[in-house]
């Protein structure tokens, strides 16, 4: 598995595989945390990225437990529906007019 897995890759995993990946990344995170605390780790950004990746994995795991549909394979093929979506979202915005002061 690559260092940064996409959300769709995580969603395609079985729950057992996902738990194994989380455990693996948590052990790597613990080693990185010790390295940062002992000032042996030079790149603190990797530490932060690893923490976020673990959180992303746990979010996907929770969604699987709750039965939330995950992977969508359909793509929008018509541009007309894209335009309709944009105009509908723009119509929902409220505009507030501020009176001019003299």
N, C-alpha and C. Protein backbone atom coordinates (compact mmCIF):
# COMPACT_ATOMS: atom_id res chain seq x y z
N UNK A 1 0.85 -1.17 0.00
CA UNK A 1 0.00 0.00 0.00
C UNK A 1 0.89 1.23 0.00
N UNK A 2 0.56 2.22 -0.76
CA UNK A 2 1.35 3.45 -0.83
C UNK A 2 1.20 4.24 0.46
N UNK A 3 2.07 5.24 0.62
CA UNK A 3 2.03 6.01 1.85
C UNK A 3 0.76 6.84 1.97
N UNK A 4 0.29 7.40 0.89
CA UNK A 4 -0.96 8.16 0.91
C UNK A 4 -1.99 7.43 0.08
N UNK A 5 -2.96 6.85 0.74
CA UNK A 5 -4.01 6.14 0.03
C UNK A 5 -5.20 7.07 -0.15
N UNK A 6 -5.80 6.99 -1.30
CA UNK A 6 -6.96 7.84 -1.56
C UNK A 6 -8.17 7.29 -0.83
N UNK A 7 -9.16 8.12 -0.69
CA UNK A 7 -10.38 7.73 0.01
C UNK A 7 -11.10 6.61 -0.74
N UNK A 8 -11.09 6.65 -2.06
CA UNK A 8 -11.77 5.60 -2.82
C UNK A 8 -11.07 4.26 -2.64
N UNK A 9 -9.73 4.27 -2.54
CA UNK A 9 -9.01 3.03 -2.29
C UNK A 9 -9.37 2.47 -0.92
N UNK A 10 -9.49 3.35 0.06
CA UNK A 10 -9.87 2.92 1.40
C UNK A 10 -11.28 2.34 1.41
N UNK A 11 -12.17 2.94 0.66
CA UNK A 11 -13.56 2.49 0.63
C UNK A 11 -13.70 1.15 -0.07
N UNK A 12 -12.79 0.82 -0.93
CA UNK A 12 -12.85 -0.46 -1.64
C UNK A 12 -12.29 -1.61 -0.81
N UNK A 13 -11.60 -1.30 0.28
CA UNK A 13 -11.05 -2.34 1.13
C UNK A 13 -12.15 -3.01 1.95
N UNK A 14 -11.88 -4.23 2.37
CA UNK A 14 -12.78 -4.90 3.30
C UNK A 14 -12.53 -4.31 4.69
N UNK A 15 -13.50 -4.42 5.59
CA UNK A 15 -13.29 -3.90 6.95
C UNK A 15 -12.06 -4.49 7.64
N UNK A 16 -11.79 -5.76 7.40
CA UNK A 16 -10.63 -6.41 8.03
C UNK A 16 -9.33 -5.80 7.50
N UNK A 17 -9.24 -5.62 6.18
CA UNK A 17 -8.05 -5.01 5.58
C UNK A 17 -7.86 -3.59 6.09
N UNK A 18 -8.96 -2.86 6.23
CA UNK A 18 -8.89 -1.49 6.68
C UNK A 18 -8.38 -1.42 8.12
N UNK A 19 -8.87 -2.31 8.98
CA UNK A 19 -8.38 -2.33 10.36
C UNK A 19 -6.89 -2.66 10.42
N UNK A 20 -6.43 -3.55 9.53
CA UNK A 20 -5.00 -3.88 9.49
C UNK A 20 -4.17 -2.68 9.05
N UNK A 21 -4.67 -1.94 8.08
CA UNK A 21 -3.97 -0.73 7.61
C UNK A 21 -3.92 0.32 8.71
N UNK A 22 -5.02 0.48 9.44
CA UNK A 22 -5.04 1.45 10.53
C UNK A 22 -4.02 1.07 11.59
N UNK A 23 -3.96 -0.21 11.94
CA UNK A 23 -3.00 -0.67 12.95
C UNK A 23 -1.56 -0.44 12.48
N UNK A 24 -1.31 -0.69 11.21
CA UNK A 24 0.03 -0.48 10.66
C UNK A 24 0.42 0.99 10.72
N UNK A 25 -0.49 1.84 10.30
CA UNK A 25 -0.20 3.28 10.29
C UNK A 25 -0.09 3.84 11.70
N UNK A 26 -0.86 3.30 12.64
CA UNK A 26 -0.75 3.77 14.01
C UNK A 26 0.60 3.41 14.63
N UNK A 27 1.13 2.24 14.28
CA UNK A 27 2.45 1.88 14.80
C UNK A 27 3.53 2.77 14.19
N UNK A 28 3.41 3.08 12.89
CA UNK A 28 4.35 4.00 12.24
C UNK A 28 4.25 5.38 12.87
N UNK A 29 3.03 5.80 13.19
CA UNK A 29 2.80 7.11 13.80
C UNK A 29 3.44 7.18 15.19
N UNK A 30 3.34 6.10 15.95
CA UNK A 30 3.94 6.08 17.28
C UNK A 30 5.46 6.21 17.19
N UNK A 31 6.04 5.53 16.22
CA UNK A 31 7.50 5.64 16.03
C UNK A 31 7.90 7.05 15.63
N UNK A 32 7.09 7.66 14.75
CA UNK A 32 7.37 9.03 14.33
C UNK A 32 7.23 10.00 15.50
N UNK A 33 6.23 9.77 16.35
CA UNK A 33 6.01 10.64 17.49
C UNK A 33 7.21 10.60 18.44
N UNK A 34 7.73 9.40 18.66
CA UNK A 34 8.92 9.28 19.51
C UNK A 34 10.12 9.98 18.88
N UNK A 35 10.25 9.86 17.57
CA UNK A 35 11.34 10.54 16.87
C UNK A 35 11.24 12.04 16.97
N UNK A 36 10.03 12.57 16.89
CA UNK A 36 9.83 14.01 16.99
C UNK A 36 10.13 14.49 18.41
N UNK A 37 9.65 13.73 19.41
CA UNK A 37 9.88 14.12 20.79
C UNK A 37 11.35 14.06 21.17
N UNK A 38 12.08 13.13 20.60
CA UNK A 38 13.50 13.01 20.90
C UNK A 38 14.36 13.82 19.93
N UNK A 39 13.70 14.57 19.08
CA UNK A 39 14.33 15.46 18.10
C UNK A 39 15.24 14.71 17.13
N UNK A 40 14.86 13.47 16.81
CA UNK A 40 15.58 12.71 15.80
C UNK A 40 14.89 12.84 14.45
N UNK A 41 13.60 13.08 14.48
CA UNK A 41 12.83 13.24 13.25
C UNK A 41 12.97 14.67 12.76
N UNK A 42 13.40 14.83 11.52
CA UNK A 42 13.63 16.16 10.96
C UNK A 42 12.41 16.73 10.26
N UNK A 43 11.60 15.87 9.67
CA UNK A 43 10.46 16.33 8.89
C UNK A 43 9.17 16.19 9.71
N UNK A 44 8.74 17.28 10.32
CA UNK A 44 7.54 17.27 11.15
C UNK A 44 6.27 17.22 10.31
N UNK A 45 6.37 17.59 9.06
CA UNK A 45 5.19 17.58 8.18
C UNK A 45 4.70 16.15 7.94
N UNK A 46 5.61 15.20 7.87
CA UNK A 46 5.21 13.81 7.69
C UNK A 46 4.43 13.30 8.90
N UNK A 47 4.83 13.75 10.06
CA UNK A 47 4.15 13.39 11.30
C UNK A 47 2.70 13.86 11.26
N UNK A 48 2.51 15.09 10.84
CA UNK A 48 1.16 15.66 10.76
C UNK A 48 0.34 14.96 9.67
N UNK A 49 0.97 14.68 8.54
CA UNK A 49 0.27 14.01 7.43
C UNK A 49 -0.15 12.60 7.83
N UNK A 50 0.68 11.91 8.58
CA UNK A 50 0.36 10.55 9.03
C UNK A 50 -0.87 10.58 9.95
N UNK A 51 -0.92 11.56 10.83
CA UNK A 51 -2.05 11.70 11.76
C UNK A 51 -3.35 11.92 10.97
N UNK A 52 -3.29 12.76 9.96
CA UNK A 52 -4.47 13.04 9.14
C UNK A 52 -4.90 11.81 8.34
N UNK A 53 -3.92 11.05 7.87
CA UNK A 53 -4.25 9.85 7.10
C UNK A 53 -4.94 8.81 7.99
N UNK A 54 -4.49 8.68 9.22
CA UNK A 54 -5.13 7.75 10.16
C UNK A 54 -6.56 8.21 10.43
N UNK A 55 -6.75 9.49 10.59
CA UNK A 55 -8.10 10.02 10.83
C UNK A 55 -9.00 9.74 9.64
N UNK A 56 -8.47 9.88 8.43
CA UNK A 56 -9.25 9.59 7.22
C UNK A 56 -9.65 8.12 7.18
N UNK A 57 -8.73 7.25 7.55
CA UNK A 57 -9.02 5.82 7.56
C UNK A 57 -10.11 5.49 8.59
N UNK A 58 -10.01 6.11 9.76
CA UNK A 58 -11.01 5.84 10.79
C UNK A 58 -12.38 6.37 10.38
N UNK A 59 -12.41 7.46 9.65
CA UNK A 59 -13.67 8.00 9.16
C UNK A 59 -14.32 7.03 8.18
N UNK A 60 -13.54 6.47 7.28
CA UNK A 60 -14.06 5.49 6.32
C UNK A 60 -14.53 4.24 7.05
N UNK A 61 -13.79 3.83 8.08
CA UNK A 61 -14.18 2.65 8.86
C UNK A 61 -15.52 2.89 9.55
N UNK A 62 -15.70 4.06 10.14
CA UNK A 62 -16.96 4.39 10.80
C UNK A 62 -18.11 4.42 9.81
N UNK A 63 -17.86 4.96 8.63
CA UNK A 63 -18.90 4.99 7.60
C UNK A 63 -19.29 3.58 7.19
N UNK A 64 -18.32 2.67 7.12
CA UNK A 64 -18.64 1.28 6.78
C UNK A 64 -19.49 0.64 7.87
N UNK A 65 -19.17 0.93 9.13
CA UNK A 65 -19.93 0.35 10.23
C UNK A 65 -21.37 0.85 10.23
N UNK A 66 -21.56 2.10 9.87
CA UNK A 66 -22.90 2.70 9.89
C UNK A 66 -23.69 2.41 8.62
N UNK A 67 -23.06 1.76 7.65
CA UNK A 67 -23.77 1.39 6.44
C UNK A 67 -23.96 2.53 5.46
N UNK A 68 -23.10 3.52 5.52
CA UNK A 68 -23.19 4.65 4.60
C UNK A 68 -22.65 4.20 3.24
N UNK A 69 -23.37 4.46 2.15
CA UNK A 69 -22.84 4.10 0.83
C UNK A 69 -21.55 4.85 0.56
N UNK A 70 -20.56 4.16 0.04
CA UNK A 70 -19.24 4.76 -0.06
C UNK A 70 -18.81 5.07 -1.49
N UNK A 71 -18.45 4.07 -2.24
CA UNK A 71 -17.87 4.28 -3.56
C UNK A 71 -18.96 4.52 -4.59
N UNK A 72 -18.83 5.62 -5.32
CA UNK A 72 -19.74 5.88 -6.43
C UNK A 72 -18.95 5.74 -7.71
N UNK A 73 -19.44 4.93 -8.61
CA UNK A 73 -18.72 4.69 -9.85
C UNK A 73 -19.31 5.46 -11.01
N UNK A 74 -20.51 6.00 -10.84
CA UNK A 74 -21.14 6.73 -11.93
C UNK A 74 -20.57 8.14 -12.02
N UNK A 75 -20.36 8.57 -13.25
CA UNK A 75 -19.90 9.93 -13.49
C UNK A 75 -20.99 10.66 -14.27
N UNK A 76 -21.10 11.94 -14.03
CA UNK A 76 -22.06 12.72 -14.80
C UNK A 76 -21.57 12.83 -16.23
N UNK A 77 -22.46 12.52 -17.16
CA UNK A 77 -22.05 12.56 -18.55
C UNK A 77 -22.57 13.78 -19.27
N UNK A 78 -23.63 14.38 -18.79
CA UNK A 78 -24.16 15.54 -19.50
C UNK A 78 -23.74 16.82 -18.81
N UNK A 79 -23.36 17.77 -19.61
CA UNK A 79 -22.98 19.07 -19.08
C UNK A 79 -24.20 19.90 -18.71
N UNK A 80 -25.35 19.53 -19.25
CA UNK A 80 -26.58 20.25 -18.95
C UNK A 80 -26.92 20.11 -17.47
N UNK A 81 -26.74 18.92 -16.92
CA UNK A 81 -27.05 18.73 -15.50
C UNK A 81 -26.08 19.50 -14.63
N UNK A 82 -24.81 19.65 -15.07
CA UNK A 82 -23.84 20.44 -14.32
C UNK A 82 -24.26 21.90 -14.28
N UNK A 83 -24.72 22.41 -15.41
CA UNK A 83 -25.15 23.81 -15.47
C UNK A 83 -26.39 24.01 -14.61
N UNK A 84 -27.30 23.05 -14.64
CA UNK A 84 -28.52 23.14 -13.83
C UNK A 84 -28.18 23.12 -12.35
N UNK A 85 -27.21 22.30 -11.96
CA UNK A 85 -26.79 22.24 -10.56
C UNK A 85 -26.19 23.56 -10.11
N UNK A 86 -25.38 24.17 -10.98
CA UNK A 86 -24.75 25.43 -10.62
C UNK A 86 -25.77 26.55 -10.46
N UNK A 87 -26.74 26.61 -11.40
CA UNK A 87 -27.73 27.68 -11.31
C UNK A 87 -28.65 27.47 -10.12
N UNK A 88 -28.93 26.24 -9.77
CA UNK A 88 -29.78 25.98 -8.60
C UNK A 88 -29.08 26.39 -7.32
N UNK A 89 -27.79 26.11 -7.24
CA UNK A 89 -27.06 26.50 -6.03
C UNK A 89 -26.90 28.01 -5.95
N UNK A 90 -26.78 28.67 -7.08
CA UNK A 90 -26.67 30.11 -7.09
C UNK A 90 -27.99 30.76 -6.72
N UNK A 91 -29.10 30.14 -7.08
CA UNK A 91 -30.41 30.70 -6.78
C UNK A 91 -30.71 30.63 -5.29
N UNK A 92 -30.11 29.70 -4.58
CA UNK A 92 -30.35 29.55 -3.16
C UNK A 92 -29.69 30.66 -2.34
N UNK A 93 -28.68 31.30 -2.87
CA UNK A 93 -27.98 32.34 -2.14
C UNK A 93 -28.88 33.55 -1.96
N UNK A 94 -28.86 34.09 -0.76
CA UNK A 94 -29.67 35.27 -0.48
C UNK A 94 -28.76 36.49 -0.58
N UNK A 95 -29.31 37.53 -1.17
CA UNK A 95 -28.57 38.78 -1.26
C UNK A 95 -29.20 39.78 -0.32
N UNK A 96 -28.36 40.48 0.37
CA UNK A 96 -28.83 41.49 1.30
C UNK A 96 -28.36 42.84 0.81
N UNK A 97 -29.30 43.76 0.66
CA UNK A 97 -28.96 45.09 0.21
C UNK A 97 -28.78 46.00 1.43
N UNK A 98 -27.66 46.67 1.44
CA UNK A 98 -27.37 47.58 2.53
C UNK A 98 -27.73 48.99 2.07
N UNK A 99 -28.54 49.72 2.87
CA UNK A 99 -28.92 51.08 2.44
C UNK A 99 -27.70 52.00 2.48
N UNK A 100 -27.68 52.90 1.52
CA UNK A 100 -26.58 53.86 1.44
C UNK A 100 -26.75 54.94 2.50
N UNK A 101 -25.65 55.33 3.06
CA UNK A 101 -25.72 56.42 4.03
C UNK A 101 -25.27 57.71 3.34
N UNK A 102 -25.87 58.83 3.72
CA UNK A 102 -25.56 60.11 3.06
C UNK A 102 -24.59 60.91 3.87
